[in-house]
């Protein structure tokens, strides 16, 4: 770690935010938690910082084999879904070496649900020329537990994609900072 990095790592959240957005903006917006500081209703510099970190994580995803980078996937997904007040369904399409081709929000819904159409997921996988896929969606309610419909959807997607030789590697549910993996839970 270089000297500049170590000097920043010793600063409080408040001190870092003051360097990023100024004292007044920090006093106006910071309420003791960084989670809400990076949603789209916050100062532009915070939103820009969030986007830079998201892009950095996408680069990390593209340069590593997905099966060897589950923490990077979790970090990317937490950041992607942070502050979303609606459900969103994302697919991370991978090539045969499990390198990221593209991460794409395929469907957007309401506070409690989103409609996902297997036919459209298959079309998106074929457009990306994907060999594998990782799914994710968020639960704005804050509970990272799969519902029966989440399980049924994952099974339907696995069946549909198997017909075109695309493997489903995982399905993550993100709720705030909690991330549940279907694969780790034995649900795939």
Protein backbone atom coordinates (compact mmCIF):
# COMPACT_ATOMS: atom_id res chain seq x y z
CA UNK A 1 0.00 0.00 0.00
CA UNK A 2 1.48 3.38 -0.93
CA UNK A 3 1.69 6.34 1.47
CA UNK A 4 -1.36 8.11 0.01
CA UNK A 5 -3.54 5.00 0.36
CA UNK A 6 -2.46 4.43 3.96
CA UNK A 7 -3.14 8.06 4.90
CA UNK A 8 -6.70 7.78 3.54
CA UNK A 9 -7.34 4.44 5.19
CA UNK A 10 -6.86 6.00 8.61
CA UNK A 11 -9.50 8.70 8.01
CA UNK A 12 -13.07 8.44 9.29
CA UNK A 13 -16.01 8.12 6.89
CA UNK A 14 -16.90 11.74 7.61
CA UNK A 15 -13.37 12.96 6.85
CA UNK A 16 -13.26 11.03 3.57
CA UNK A 17 -16.66 12.37 2.51
CA UNK A 18 -15.54 15.91 3.35
CA UNK A 19 -12.58 15.44 0.99
CA UNK A 20 -14.88 14.10 -1.71
CA UNK A 21 -17.90 16.43 -1.50
CA UNK A 22 -16.95 19.12 1.02
CA UNK A 23 -17.88 19.85 4.62
CA UNK A 24 -21.29 21.42 3.92
CA UNK A 25 -22.50 18.63 1.64
CA UNK A 26 -21.27 16.01 4.12
CA UNK A 27 -23.13 17.70 6.98
CA UNK A 28 -26.24 17.97 4.83
CA UNK A 29 -26.34 14.38 3.55
CA UNK A 30 -24.33 12.05 5.80
CA UNK A 31 -26.39 10.33 8.51
CA UNK A 32 -23.86 7.88 9.94
CA UNK A 33 -24.00 5.30 7.13
CA UNK A 34 -22.24 5.19 3.78
CA UNK A 35 -24.89 2.91 2.27
CA UNK A 36 -27.28 5.71 1.38
CA UNK A 37 -24.53 8.14 0.32
CA UNK A 38 -24.06 6.57 -3.08
CA UNK A 39 -27.60 6.36 -4.44
CA UNK A 40 -28.78 8.58 -7.27
CA UNK A 41 -30.34 11.21 -5.00
CA UNK A 42 -27.02 12.14 -3.38
CA UNK A 43 -24.43 14.74 -4.46
CA UNK A 44 -23.12 14.19 -7.98
CA UNK A 45 -19.58 13.45 -6.84
CA UNK A 46 -20.83 10.52 -4.75
CA UNK A 47 -22.76 9.16 -7.71
CA UNK A 48 -19.65 9.59 -9.90
CA UNK A 49 -17.52 7.80 -7.29
CA UNK A 50 -20.02 4.94 -7.20
CA UNK A 51 -19.96 4.65 -10.99
CA UNK A 52 -16.14 4.59 -11.02
CA UNK A 53 -16.08 1.80 -8.44
CA UNK A 54 -18.73 -0.11 -10.43
CA UNK A 55 -16.62 0.17 -13.58
CA UNK A 56 -13.53 -0.94 -11.70
CA UNK A 57 -15.40 -4.03 -10.48
CA UNK A 58 -16.60 -4.78 -14.03
CA UNK A 59 -12.95 -4.65 -15.16
CA UNK A 60 -12.05 -7.02 -12.32
CA UNK A 61 -14.84 -9.35 -13.45
CA UNK A 62 -13.65 -9.26 -17.07
CA UNK A 63 -10.04 -10.08 -16.18
CA UNK A 64 -10.70 -13.11 -14.00
CA UNK A 65 -12.45 -16.42 -14.24
CA UNK A 66 -15.83 -15.99 -12.55
CA UNK A 67 -15.58 -19.19 -10.56
CA UNK A 68 -12.39 -17.86 -8.95
CA UNK A 69 -13.84 -14.42 -8.15
CA UNK A 70 -17.06 -14.88 -6.14
CA UNK A 71 -16.20 -11.97 -3.83
CA UNK A 72 -15.83 -9.64 -6.81
CA UNK A 73 -19.20 -10.81 -8.15
CA UNK A 74 -20.81 -10.16 -4.75
CA UNK A 75 -19.19 -6.70 -4.51
CA UNK A 76 -20.32 -5.82 -8.03
CA UNK A 77 -23.88 -6.95 -7.32
CA UNK A 78 -24.09 -5.12 -3.98
CA UNK A 79 -22.96 -1.95 -5.71
CA UNK A 80 -25.24 -2.48 -8.72
CA UNK A 81 -28.35 -2.90 -6.57
CA UNK A 82 -27.49 -0.36 -3.83
CA UNK A 83 -30.31 2.10 -3.27
CA UNK A 84 -32.66 0.49 -5.81
CA UNK A 85 -36.25 0.77 -4.67
CA UNK A 86 -37.51 -1.58 -7.36
CA UNK A 87 -36.74 -5.18 -8.27
CA UNK A 88 -34.29 -5.69 -11.09
CA UNK A 89 -33.09 -8.88 -12.82
CA UNK A 90 -29.50 -9.01 -14.07
CA UNK A 91 -27.66 -11.56 -16.17
CA UNK A 92 -23.87 -11.79 -16.32
CA UNK A 93 -23.09 -13.60 -19.55
CA UNK A 94 -19.84 -15.58 -19.70
CA UNK A 95 -17.76 -17.19 -22.43
CA UNK A 96 -16.51 -20.80 -22.37
CA UNK A 97 -13.59 -19.82 -20.07
CA UNK A 98 -16.05 -18.08 -17.70
CA UNK A 99 -14.80 -14.64 -18.63
CA UNK A 100 -17.43 -11.88 -18.55
CA UNK A 101 -18.87 -10.95 -21.93
CA UNK A 102 -21.45 -8.51 -20.59
CA UNK A 103 -23.47 -7.78 -17.46
CA UNK A 104 -26.94 -6.65 -18.39
CA UNK A 105 -30.11 -5.63 -16.56
CA UNK A 106 -32.71 -7.60 -18.49
CA UNK A 107 -35.88 -6.75 -16.54
CA UNK A 108 -37.04 -4.05 -14.15
CA UNK A 109 -40.12 -4.30 -11.97
CA UNK A 110 -41.81 -2.79 -8.96
CA UNK A 111 -41.00 -2.70 -5.25
CA UNK A 112 -42.07 -6.32 -4.75
CA UNK A 113 -41.76 -8.11 -8.08
CA UNK A 114 -40.44 -8.16 -11.59
CA UNK A 115 -41.56 -10.26 -14.53
CA UNK A 116 -38.84 -12.37 -16.13
CA UNK A 117 -39.46 -14.06 -19.46
CA UNK A 118 -37.29 -17.14 -20.21
CA UNK A 119 -37.67 -16.61 -23.97
CA UNK A 120 -36.09 -13.13 -23.67
CA UNK A 121 -33.29 -14.48 -21.45
CA UNK A 122 -32.48 -17.16 -24.05
CA UNK A 123 -32.45 -14.52 -26.82
CA UNK A 124 -30.08 -12.32 -24.76
CA UNK A 125 -27.76 -15.29 -24.09
CA UNK A 126 -27.64 -16.13 -27.79
CA UNK A 127 -26.99 -12.48 -28.74
CA UNK A 128 -24.05 -12.46 -26.30
CA UNK A 129 -22.85 -15.83 -27.63
CA UNK A 130 -22.66 -16.96 -24.00
CA UNK A 131 -21.59 -20.38 -22.79
CA UNK A 132 -22.67 -19.71 -19.20
CA UNK A 133 -24.62 -17.19 -17.16
CA UNK A 134 -24.93 -15.94 -13.60
CA UNK A 135 -28.29 -14.46 -12.63
CA UNK A 136 -29.05 -11.98 -9.91
CA UNK A 137 -31.98 -10.00 -8.67
CA UNK A 138 -32.60 -7.81 -5.68
CA UNK A 139 -35.13 -7.84 -2.89
CA UNK A 140 -35.74 -4.20 -1.90
CA UNK A 141 -37.56 -5.57 1.16
CA UNK A 142 -34.16 -6.34 2.67
CA UNK A 143 -34.62 -10.11 2.99
CA UNK A 144 -32.18 -12.22 0.95
CA UNK A 145 -34.22 -15.41 1.03
CA UNK A 146 -35.42 -17.07 -2.17
CA UNK A 147 -39.17 -17.30 -2.60
CA UNK A 148 -40.86 -20.30 -4.18
CA UNK A 149 -41.30 -18.25 -7.37
CA UNK A 150 -37.54 -17.42 -7.34
CA UNK A 151 -36.76 -21.15 -7.23
CA UNK A 152 -39.29 -21.98 -9.94
CA UNK A 153 -37.95 -19.20 -12.17
CA UNK A 154 -34.37 -20.42 -11.75
CA UNK A 155 -35.42 -23.97 -12.68
CA UNK A 156 -37.33 -22.71 -15.73
CA UNK A 157 -34.34 -20.63 -16.85
CA UNK A 158 -31.96 -23.58 -16.38
CA UNK A 159 -34.22 -25.79 -18.51
CA UNK A 160 -34.67 -23.20 -21.26
CA UNK A 161 -30.96 -22.36 -21.44
CA UNK A 162 -29.88 -26.00 -21.40
CA UNK A 163 -31.65 -26.38 -24.77
CA UNK A 164 -29.12 -23.94 -26.28
CA UNK A 165 -26.10 -25.23 -24.28
CA UNK A 166 -25.82 -22.32 -21.85
CA UNK A 167 -25.02 -23.34 -18.27
CA UNK A 168 -26.52 -21.50 -15.30
CA UNK A 169 -23.67 -21.20 -12.79
CA UNK A 170 -25.48 -19.32 -10.03
CA UNK A 171 -28.35 -17.08 -9.08
CA UNK A 172 -27.71 -14.43 -6.44
CA UNK A 173 -30.31 -12.57 -4.41
CA UNK A 174 -29.15 -9.20 -3.10
CA UNK A 175 -30.91 -7.50 -0.20
CA UNK A 176 -28.99 -4.48 1.06
CA UNK A 177 -25.54 -5.77 1.94
CA UNK A 178 -26.69 -9.42 2.17
CA UNK A 179 -26.11 -11.67 -0.82
CA UNK A 180 -27.44 -15.22 -1.08
CA UNK A 181 -26.04 -17.67 -3.62
CA UNK A 182 -28.31 -20.43 -4.95
CA UNK A 183 -25.22 -22.55 -5.73
CA UNK A 184 -23.82 -22.21 -2.20
CA UNK A 185 -27.25 -23.07 -0.75
CA UNK A 186 -27.53 -26.19 -2.92
CA UNK A 187 -30.52 -24.76 -4.81
CA UNK A 188 -29.15 -25.17 -8.34
